[in-house]
Amino acid sequence: MPNLFTLVLQITVILAVCRLMGSLFRKFHQPRVVGEMFAGILLGPSLLGWVAPQFSAYLFPPSSLGFLNALSQVGVVIFMFLVGLGINPKELKHQSHAAVLVSHVSITAPFVLASLLALYLYPRLSDDSVSFTNFGLFMGAAMSITAFPVLARILDERNMMQTRLGTVAIACAAVDDVTGWCILAYIVVLIRAARQATSIWVTLGGILLFAVIMIYGVRFLLRGLERTFHKYGEISENRMAFLLLLALASALCTERLGIHLLFGSFLMGAIMPKEPKFVRYILDRFETITITLLLPLFFAFTGLRTNVGLLKGPAMWFYCGLIILVATGGKLGGSTVAGWLSGMSLREAAGLGTLMNTRGLMELVILNIGLDIKVISPALFSMMVLMALFTTFMTTPVLELVCPEQMQRAATEKVAAPAASLQEIA
């Protein structure tokens, strides 16, 4: 049985530290999520466990971490539903040639570079329990992701949501996330199928059937929900509960099929109707409790799994620096070159590359999956978490440097607004 006092104490401390660090980072013009990610590291063995090991052991005894993880995973399941709801891949059709080119390059360049890096890191940071194919694919997928919610928040705060740079970045981030999650789903299926008696073809057949039911069956029901909203201007509590049940049931189905809980909730959000007012209404109902209560628990649990102390010696820090360099070069560099070749000015293209290099919370979600399925080691996990923190932290100052707001207001073409952002993700 869980110790209720310990659990409530953990939640209290986590919320206090996350809100404090989030507010502090906002003063430095950083998204709140960067501060909350950093707060998670502070609460883990990298700082609290090192400075005050006895207090850390009292606050986070090993026997309690299972309950903390369970609560955090519920938050991430709902969060992924909201991410899917906010993403509208069809927006790419309405964007310029720049969005088409950049979306392909911003996935391909970091994926190829990460796969090449995996050749170097595999014999040093992995072993025979993980095949090189799975290791390389995971590294490629992890470095190809862009944090769509954090990116949307940065654009919203800078009043760039309706600029050409903003709409191209949003469209590319949407495609990147969908592609990255598809690759990750493939990796998870391969690894889990190898450990189970069920044939991989049976698993793939079940996944295909599930996708067909969701797209052509459940999606039809959701359109009725949208019509109800337009008719009455609101959705009853029973219908909202039904929507949440669908998201949770979808998550359970994908977990049962051998992928992961998060893929089901993400798909449920992705097939939702995308009419802006309807999307905003749903987001408003789910965001507050998810973002202010449940996601900080996920940051804390990630921090408890991150141990910078594992990076002992110059060689380990060299590997970490190499990961950051390759991740930044592939995403920021590749997107910048693609934007420039598509007709953007060099500074605007650099701004686009900087935005695409934002990884944030989405990276942490992927890394936790990788650690859960044992495709990466705890040491590599810690390195990748530091990479996620660094690339997210650098976005705002570098964007201001290469592409100031004044230049955006003066030189950027106004276009139609993209899909609704997740207002309080950061």
Protein backbone atom coordinates (compact mmCIF):
# COMPACT_ATOMS: atom_id res chain seq x y z
CA MET A 1 0.00 0.00 0.00
CA PRO A 2 1.27 3.51 -0.78
CA ASN A 3 2.26 5.77 2.09
CA LEU A 4 -0.26 8.57 1.57
CA PHE A 5 1.71 11.09 3.61
CA THR A 6 4.86 10.49 1.56
CA LEU A 7 2.99 10.73 -1.73
CA VAL A 8 1.26 13.99 -0.81
CA LEU A 9 4.57 15.38 0.50
CA GLN A 10 6.27 14.46 -2.77
CA ILE A 11 3.56 16.16 -4.82
CA THR A 12 3.71 19.28 -2.63
CA VAL A 13 7.49 19.62 -2.92
CA ILE A 14 7.48 18.89 -6.66
CA LEU A 15 4.77 21.46 -7.40
CA ALA A 16 6.47 24.12 -5.26
CA VAL A 17 9.90 23.62 -6.84
CA CYS A 18 8.53 23.39 -10.39
CA ARG A 19 6.45 26.56 -10.05
CA LEU A 20 9.36 28.39 -8.43
CA MET A 21 11.83 27.38 -11.14
CA GLY A 22 9.28 28.00 -13.88
CA SER A 23 8.69 31.56 -12.63
CA LEU A 24 12.43 32.14 -12.29
CA PHE A 25 13.12 31.02 -15.85
CA ARG A 26 10.28 33.19 -17.14
CA LYS A 27 12.18 36.22 -15.81
CA PHE A 28 14.97 35.24 -18.21
CA HIS A 29 12.45 35.05 -21.09
CA GLN A 30 12.48 31.27 -21.08
CA PRO A 31 9.36 29.11 -21.44
CA ARG A 32 8.11 27.87 -18.06
CA VAL A 33 8.62 24.28 -19.20
CA VAL A 34 12.41 24.80 -19.29
CA GLY A 35 12.39 25.78 -15.62
CA GLU A 36 10.19 22.81 -14.74
CA MET A 37 12.48 20.44 -16.65
CA PHE A 38 15.43 21.89 -14.73
CA ALA A 39 13.49 21.52 -11.46
CA GLY A 40 13.12 17.82 -12.14
CA ILE A 41 16.90 17.49 -12.43
CA LEU A 42 17.38 19.43 -9.18
CA LEU A 43 15.14 17.00 -7.29
CA GLY A 44 17.00 13.94 -8.54
CA PRO A 45 20.33 12.34 -7.64
CA SER A 46 22.18 14.89 -9.78
CA LEU A 47 21.71 17.58 -7.10
CA LEU A 48 19.38 16.83 -4.16
CA GLY A 49 20.60 13.25 -3.89
CA TRP A 50 24.18 14.50 -3.97
CA VAL A 51 23.85 17.50 -1.62
CA ALA A 52 21.35 16.00 0.87
CA PRO A 53 21.25 12.22 0.35
CA GLN A 54 19.40 11.51 3.61
CA PHE A 55 16.63 14.01 2.85
CA SER A 56 16.42 12.71 -0.72
CA ALA A 57 16.05 9.14 0.54
CA TYR A 58 13.32 10.27 2.96
CA LEU A 59 11.44 12.27 0.33
CA PHE A 60 11.79 9.76 -2.51
CA PRO A 61 12.16 6.27 -1.01
CA PRO A 62 12.45 3.60 -3.74
CA SER A 63 9.22 1.94 -2.59
CA SER A 64 7.24 5.11 -3.41
CA LEU A 65 8.52 5.72 -6.92
CA GLY A 66 6.10 3.28 -8.52
CA PHE A 67 3.11 5.34 -7.37
CA LEU A 68 4.75 8.61 -8.42
CA ASN A 69 5.49 7.10 -11.83
CA ALA A 70 1.90 5.90 -12.22
CA LEU A 71 0.50 9.37 -11.56
CA SER A 72 3.02 10.99 -13.90
CA GLN A 73 2.19 8.52 -16.68
CA VAL A 74 -1.52 9.37 -16.41
CA GLY A 75 -0.55 13.00 -16.90
CA VAL A 76 1.59 12.20 -19.93
CA VAL A 77 -1.20 10.10 -21.48
CA ILE A 78 -3.59 13.07 -21.27
CA PHE A 79 -0.84 15.43 -22.41
CA MET A 80 -0.19 13.35 -25.53
CA PHE A 81 -3.91 13.50 -26.30
CA LEU A 82 -3.66 17.30 -26.13
CA VAL A 83 -0.56 17.30 -28.35
CA GLY A 84 -2.37 15.21 -30.94
CA LEU A 85 -5.36 17.55 -30.67
CA GLY A 86 -3.16 20.59 -31.32
CA ILE A 87 -1.38 19.07 -34.30
CA ASN A 88 -3.00 19.42 -37.71
CA PRO A 89 -0.74 17.92 -40.41
CA LYS A 90 -3.11 19.22 -43.09
CA GLU A 91 -1.76 22.70 -42.40
CA LEU A 92 1.28 21.70 -44.44
CA LYS A 93 -0.86 21.72 -47.57
CA HIS A 94 -1.62 25.41 -47.06
CA GLN A 95 1.98 26.49 -46.54
CA SER A 96 4.70 27.50 -48.96
CA HIS A 97 7.39 25.45 -50.63
CA ALA A 98 9.59 26.30 -47.62
CA ALA A 99 7.43 24.19 -45.29
CA VAL A 100 7.57 21.17 -47.59
CA LEU A 101 11.34 21.31 -48.02
CA VAL A 102 12.19 22.15 -44.41
CA SER A 103 9.88 19.48 -42.98
CA HIS A 104 11.71 16.79 -44.95
CA VAL A 105 15.22 18.08 -44.26
CA SER A 106 14.53 18.75 -40.57
CA ILE A 107 13.73 15.06 -40.15
CA THR A 108 16.28 13.55 -42.54
CA ALA A 109 19.38 15.56 -41.56
CA PRO A 110 19.30 14.90 -37.77
CA PHE A 111 18.19 11.31 -38.35
CA VAL A 112 21.13 10.57 -40.66
CA LEU A 113 23.65 12.35 -38.43
CA ALA A 114 22.30 10.62 -35.33
CA SER A 115 22.54 7.24 -37.07
CA LEU A 116 26.18 7.96 -37.96
CA LEU A 117 26.82 9.03 -34.36
CA ALA A 118 25.24 5.77 -33.21
CA LEU A 119 28.03 3.89 -35.04
CA TYR A 120 30.51 5.60 -32.73
CA LEU A 121 28.47 5.47 -29.52
CA TYR A 122 27.09 1.92 -29.78
CA PRO A 123 30.28 0.05 -28.76
CA ARG A 124 30.95 2.61 -26.03
CA LEU A 125 27.52 3.18 -24.45
CA SER A 126 25.55 0.04 -25.33
CA ASP A 127 25.98 -3.75 -25.40
CA ASP A 128 24.79 -6.90 -27.15
CA SER A 129 21.43 -6.85 -25.32
CA VAL A 130 20.38 -4.14 -27.78
CA SER A 131 20.78 -4.59 -31.52
CA PHE A 132 22.57 -1.83 -33.37
CA THR A 133 19.55 -1.41 -35.67
CA ASN A 134 17.24 -0.62 -32.76
CA PHE A 135 19.87 1.58 -31.12
CA GLY A 136 20.51 3.56 -34.32
CA LEU A 137 16.82 3.96 -35.13
CA PHE A 138 16.07 5.19 -31.63
CA MET A 139 18.89 7.74 -31.69
CA GLY A 140 17.64 8.98 -35.05
CA ALA A 141 14.05 9.31 -33.86
CA ALA A 142 15.05 10.99 -30.59
CA MET A 143 17.15 13.62 -32.34
CA SER A 144 14.56 14.29 -35.08
CA ILE A 145 11.77 15.38 -32.73
CA THR A 146 10.65 18.99 -32.26
CA ALA A 147 8.64 20.03 -29.19
CA PHE A 148 5.47 21.24 -30.90
CA PRO A 149 3.79 22.59 -27.70
CA VAL A 150 6.88 24.48 -26.51
CA LEU A 151 7.49 25.84 -30.00
CA ALA A 152 3.88 27.04 -30.22
CA ARG A 153 4.20 28.73 -26.84
CA ILE A 154 7.39 30.57 -27.83
CA LEU A 155 5.75 31.81 -31.04
CA ASP A 156 2.63 32.88 -29.14
CA GLU A 157 4.63 34.83 -26.55
CA ARG A 158 6.55 36.62 -29.32
CA ASN A 159 3.40 37.35 -31.37
CA MET A 160 4.79 35.30 -34.26
CA MET A 161 1.94 32.81 -34.66
CA GLN A 162 0.66 34.54 -37.81
CA THR A 163 4.00 35.33 -39.44
CA ARG A 164 5.41 33.28 -42.28
CA LEU A 165 8.22 32.05 -40.03
CA GLY A 166 5.72 31.01 -37.37
CA THR A 167 3.37 29.14 -39.68
CA VAL A 168 6.20 27.34 -41.49
CA ALA A 169 7.74 26.33 -38.13
CA ILE A 170 4.39 25.07 -36.79
CA ALA A 171 3.69 23.03 -39.94
CA CYS A 172 7.18 21.50 -39.93
CA ALA A 173 7.02 20.70 -36.20
CA ALA A 174 3.69 18.93 -36.70
CA VAL A 175 5.10 16.74 -39.47
CA ASP A 176 8.29 16.09 -37.47
CA ASP A 177 6.36 14.93 -34.43
CA VAL A 178 4.07 12.62 -36.40
CA THR A 179 7.01 11.12 -38.29
CA GLY A 180 9.16 10.77 -35.18
CA TRP A 181 6.39 8.99 -33.28
CA CYS A 182 5.77 6.62 -36.20
CA ILE A 183 9.46 5.67 -36.22
CA LEU A 184 9.46 5.22 -32.46
CA ALA A 185 6.32 3.06 -32.65
CA TYR A 186 8.10 0.82 -35.16
CA ILE A 187 11.09 0.47 -32.81
CA VAL A 188 8.91 -0.37 -29.80
CA VAL A 189 6.99 -2.98 -31.79
CA LEU A 190 10.22 -4.64 -32.95
CA ILE A 191 11.69 -4.79 -29.45
CA ARG A 192 8.54 -5.95 -27.68
CA ALA A 193 7.71 -8.51 -30.38
CA ALA A 194 11.17 -10.06 -29.96
CA ARG A 195 10.45 -10.57 -26.25
CA GLN A 196 6.97 -12.04 -26.68
CA ALA A 197 5.61 -15.24 -28.16
CA THR A 198 3.17 -13.38 -30.42
CA SER A 199 4.27 -13.12 -34.06
CA ILE A 200 5.21 -9.64 -35.19
CA TRP A 201 2.83 -10.01 -38.14
CA VAL A 202 -0.07 -10.61 -35.76
CA THR A 203 0.98 -7.51 -33.84
CA LEU A 204 1.23 -5.41 -37.00
CA GLY A 205 -2.14 -6.73 -38.20
CA GLY A 206 -3.74 -5.76 -34.89
CA ILE A 207 -2.21 -2.28 -35.06
CA LEU A 208 -3.47 -1.79 -38.62
CA LEU A 209 -6.97 -2.91 -37.65
CA PHE A 210 -6.95 -0.58 -34.65
CA ALA A 211 -5.87 2.36 -36.81
CA VAL A 212 -8.66 1.67 -39.32
CA ILE A 213 -11.26 1.53 -36.53
CA MET A 214 -9.99 4.79 -35.05
CA ILE A 215 -9.83 6.70 -38.34
CA TYR A 216 -13.05 5.46 -39.93
CA GLY A 217 -15.13 4.59 -36.87
CA VAL A 218 -14.23 6.62 -33.81
CA ARG A 219 -13.51 9.69 -35.93
CA PHE A 220 -17.12 9.61 -37.15
CA LEU A 221 -18.39 9.67 -33.55
CA LEU A 222 -16.15 12.62 -32.78
CA ARG A 223 -17.69 14.65 -35.58
CA GLY A 224 -21.00 14.28 -33.78
CA LEU A 225 -19.34 15.71 -30.69
CA GLU A 226 -18.19 18.70 -32.72
CA ARG A 227 -21.72 19.25 -34.07
CA THR A 228 -23.07 19.20 -30.52
CA PHE A 229 -20.56 21.87 -29.53
CA HIS A 230 -21.55 24.13 -32.43
CA LYS A 231 -25.23 23.65 -31.66
CA TYR A 232 -25.12 24.38 -27.92
CA GLY A 233 -21.82 26.25 -27.56
CA GLU A 234 -20.60 23.75 -24.96
CA ILE A 235 -20.19 20.04 -24.25
CA SER A 236 -21.85 18.37 -21.29
CA GLU A 237 -19.83 16.74 -18.52
CA ASN A 238 -21.04 13.31 -19.63
CA ARG A 239 -19.75 13.87 -23.15
CA MET A 240 -16.43 15.21 -21.82
CA ALA A 241 -16.14 12.10 -19.66
CA PHE A 242 -16.89 9.97 -22.71
CA LEU A 243 -14.14 11.77 -24.64
CA LEU A 244 -11.66 11.10 -21.84
CA LEU A 245 -12.73 7.46 -21.73
CA LEU A 246 -12.08 7.17 -25.48
CA ALA A 247 -8.57 8.61 -25.02
CA LEU A 248 -7.80 6.21 -22.17
CA ALA A 249 -9.29 3.23 -24.02
CA SER A 250 -7.22 4.09 -27.09
CA ALA A 251 -4.12 4.21 -24.90
CA LEU A 252 -4.95 0.82 -23.40
CA CYS A 253 -5.43 -0.68 -26.85
CA THR A 254 -2.02 0.39 -28.12
CA GLU A 255 -0.38 -0.85 -24.91
CA ARG A 256 -2.11 -4.19 -25.34
CA LEU A 257 -1.06 -4.34 -28.99
CA GLY A 258 2.57 -3.99 -27.95
CA ILE A 259 3.34 -0.35 -28.80
CA HIS A 260 2.90 2.00 -25.83
CA LEU A 261 0.11 3.77 -23.98
CA LEU A 262 1.14 7.16 -25.34
CA PHE A 263 0.67 6.24 -29.00
CA GLY A 264 -3.01 5.53 -28.48
CA SER A 265 -3.74 8.80 -26.72
CA PHE A 266 -1.73 10.71 -29.33
CA LEU A 267 -3.70 9.06 -32.16
CA MET A 268 -6.96 9.86 -30.39
CA GLY A 269 -6.00 13.53 -30.30
CA ALA A 270 -4.78 13.49 -33.90
CA ILE A 271 -8.12 12.23 -35.29
CA MET A 272 -10.15 14.81 -33.36
CA PRO A 273 -11.94 17.52 -35.39
CA LYS A 274 -9.65 20.52 -35.86
CA GLU A 275 -12.09 23.43 -35.93
CA PRO A 276 -10.23 26.12 -33.88
CA LYS A 277 -13.06 27.00 -31.45
CA PHE A 278 -13.78 23.35 -30.74
CA VAL A 279 -10.08 22.60 -30.20
CA ARG A 280 -9.70 25.61 -27.89
CA TYR A 281 -12.74 24.51 -25.86
CA ILE A 282 -11.34 20.99 -25.32
CA LEU A 283 -7.89 22.31 -24.47
CA ASP A 284 -9.32 24.70 -21.90
CA ARG A 285 -11.07 21.83 -20.14
CA PHE A 286 -8.05 19.54 -19.91
CA GLU A 287 -4.98 21.75 -19.78
CA THR A 288 -5.02 23.18 -16.27
CA ILE A 289 -4.98 20.02 -14.16
CA THR A 290 -2.67 18.23 -16.60
CA ILE A 291 -0.07 20.97 -16.91
CA THR A 292 -0.09 22.38 -13.39
CA LEU A 293 -0.35 19.11 -11.44
CA LEU A 294 0.44 15.98 -13.43
CA LEU A 295 3.24 17.04 -15.79
CA PRO A 296 5.49 18.35 -12.97
CA LEU A 297 5.33 14.84 -11.53
CA PHE A 298 6.67 13.56 -14.83
CA PHE A 299 9.51 16.09 -14.77
CA ALA A 300 10.39 15.01 -11.24
CA PHE A 301 10.30 11.32 -12.11
CA THR A 302 12.52 11.99 -15.14
CA GLY A 303 14.89 13.91 -12.88
CA LEU A 304 15.00 10.97 -10.47
CA ARG A 305 16.09 8.77 -13.39
CA THR A 306 18.72 11.27 -14.52
CA ASN A 307 22.06 10.96 -12.78
CA VAL A 308 24.74 13.32 -14.01
CA GLY A 309 27.10 11.49 -11.65
CA LEU A 310 27.16 8.62 -14.17
CA LEU A 311 29.08 10.87 -16.54
CA LYS A 312 32.46 10.17 -14.96
CA GLY A 313 35.65 11.18 -16.70
CA PRO A 314 36.43 13.33 -19.74
CA ALA A 315 35.35 10.61 -22.17
CA MET A 316 31.73 10.56 -20.92
CA TRP A 317 31.46 14.35 -21.07
CA PHE A 318 32.98 14.24 -24.55
CA TYR A 319 30.21 11.84 -25.63
CA CYS A 320 27.62 14.18 -24.09
CA GLY A 321 29.08 17.20 -25.90
CA LEU A 322 29.15 15.24 -29.14
CA ILE A 323 25.46 14.36 -28.74
CA ILE A 324 24.57 18.03 -28.18
CA LEU A 325 26.68 19.10 -31.16
CA VAL A 326 25.19 16.53 -33.54
CA ALA A 327 21.64 17.19 -32.35
CA THR A 328 22.04 20.94 -32.82
CA GLY A 329 23.93 20.66 -36.10
CA GLY A 330 21.42 18.27 -37.63
CA LYS A 331 18.26 20.08 -36.59
CA LEU A 332 19.30 23.74 -36.51
CA GLY A 333 21.82 23.49 -39.34
CA GLY A 334 19.71 21.33 -41.62
CA SER A 335 16.56 23.42 -41.17
CA THR A 336 18.49 26.66 -41.71
CA VAL A 337 20.01 25.47 -45.00
CA ALA A 338 16.67 24.13 -46.21
CA GLY A 339 14.89 27.39 -45.34
CA TRP A 340 17.56 29.43 -47.11
CA LEU A 341 17.41 27.25 -50.24
CA SER A 342 13.61 27.62 -50.30
CA GLY A 343 13.87 31.40 -50.61
CA MET A 344 13.97 32.69 -47.04
CA SER A 345 16.53 35.29 -46.05
CA LEU A 346 19.50 33.86 -44.19
CA ARG A 347 18.44 35.42 -40.87
CA GLU A 348 14.86 34.20 -41.21
CA ALA A 349 16.10 30.73 -42.16
CA ALA A 350 18.36 30.75 -39.10
CA GLY A 351 15.35 31.71 -36.97
CA LEU A 352 13.44 28.77 -38.42
CA GLY A 353 16.34 26.42 -37.68
CA THR A 354 16.52 27.70 -34.12
CA LEU A 355 12.82 27.08 -33.58
CA MET A 356 13.01 23.58 -35.05
CA ASN A 357 15.87 22.76 -32.64
CA THR A 358 13.46 23.08 -29.68
CA ARG A 359 12.96 19.64 -28.10
CA GLY A 360 11.56 20.20 -24.62
CA LEU A 361 9.04 17.88 -23.04
CA MET A 362 8.50 15.74 -26.15
CA GLU A 363 12.14 14.67 -26.00
CA LEU A 364 11.80 13.65 -22.35
CA VAL A 365 8.75 11.53 -23.19
CA ILE A 366 10.65 9.69 -25.93
CA LEU A 367 13.73 9.22 -23.74
CA ASN A 368 11.68 7.70 -20.93
CA ILE A 369 10.18 5.23 -23.40
CA GLY A 370 13.68 4.36 -24.60
CA LEU A 371 14.85 3.75 -21.04
CA ASP A 372 11.74 1.69 -20.23
CA ILE A 373 12.29 -0.65 -23.19
CA LYS A 374 16.03 -0.73 -22.38
CA VAL A 375 17.21 0.48 -25.78
CA ILE A 376 19.41 3.10 -24.05
CA SER A 377 21.42 2.90 -20.83
CA PRO A 378 20.93 5.17 -17.79
CA ALA A 379 24.16 7.01 -18.66
CA LEU A 380 23.05 7.70 -22.25
CA PHE A 381 19.61 8.64 -20.94
CA SER A 382 21.22 11.28 -18.72
CA MET A 383 23.26 12.63 -21.65
CA MET A 384 20.17 12.88 -23.84
CA VAL A 385 18.23 14.66 -21.08
CA LEU A 386 21.02 17.24 -20.84
CA MET A 387 20.85 17.61 -24.64
CA ALA A 388 17.08 18.24 -24.41
CA LEU A 389 17.62 20.88 -21.73
CA PHE A 390 20.42 22.61 -23.66
CA THR A 391 18.63 22.74 -27.03
CA THR A 392 15.40 24.00 -25.46
CA PHE A 393 17.16 26.60 -23.31
CA MET A 394 19.12 28.00 -26.27
CA THR A 395 16.04 28.60 -28.42
CA THR A 396 14.89 31.96 -27.02
CA PRO A 397 18.28 33.74 -26.75
CA VAL A 398 19.50 32.48 -30.13
CA LEU A 399 16.20 33.39 -31.79
CA GLU A 400 16.43 36.92 -30.40
CA LEU A 401 20.02 37.16 -31.63
CA VAL A 402 19.53 35.95 -35.20
CA CYS A 403 15.95 37.01 -35.77
CA PRO A 404 14.85 39.91 -33.50
CA GLU A 405 11.16 40.62 -32.98
CA GLN A 406 11.50 44.03 -34.60
CA MET A 407 12.74 42.41 -37.81
CA GLN A 408 9.85 39.96 -37.70
CA ARG A 409 7.25 42.71 -37.45
CA ALA A 410 8.83 44.65 -40.28
CA ALA A 411 9.77 41.93 -42.74
CA THR A 412 7.63 38.86 -42.20
CA GLU A 413 4.70 38.09 -44.43
CA LYS A 414 1.38 37.69 -42.63
CA VAL A 415 -0.52 34.48 -43.29
CA ALA A 416 -3.47 32.58 -41.86
CA ALA A 417 -3.13 31.38 -38.28
CA PRO A 418 -2.27 27.70 -37.76
CA ALA A 419 -3.86 25.22 -35.37
CA ALA A 420 -4.49 26.26 -31.77
CA SER A 421 -1.49 26.15 -29.44
CA LEU A 422 -1.37 24.62 -25.98
CA GLN A 423 -1.56 27.86 -24.05
CA GLU A 424 -0.09 26.80 -20.73
CA ILE A 425 2.43 24.14 -21.75
CA ALA A 426 5.24 26.50 -20.85
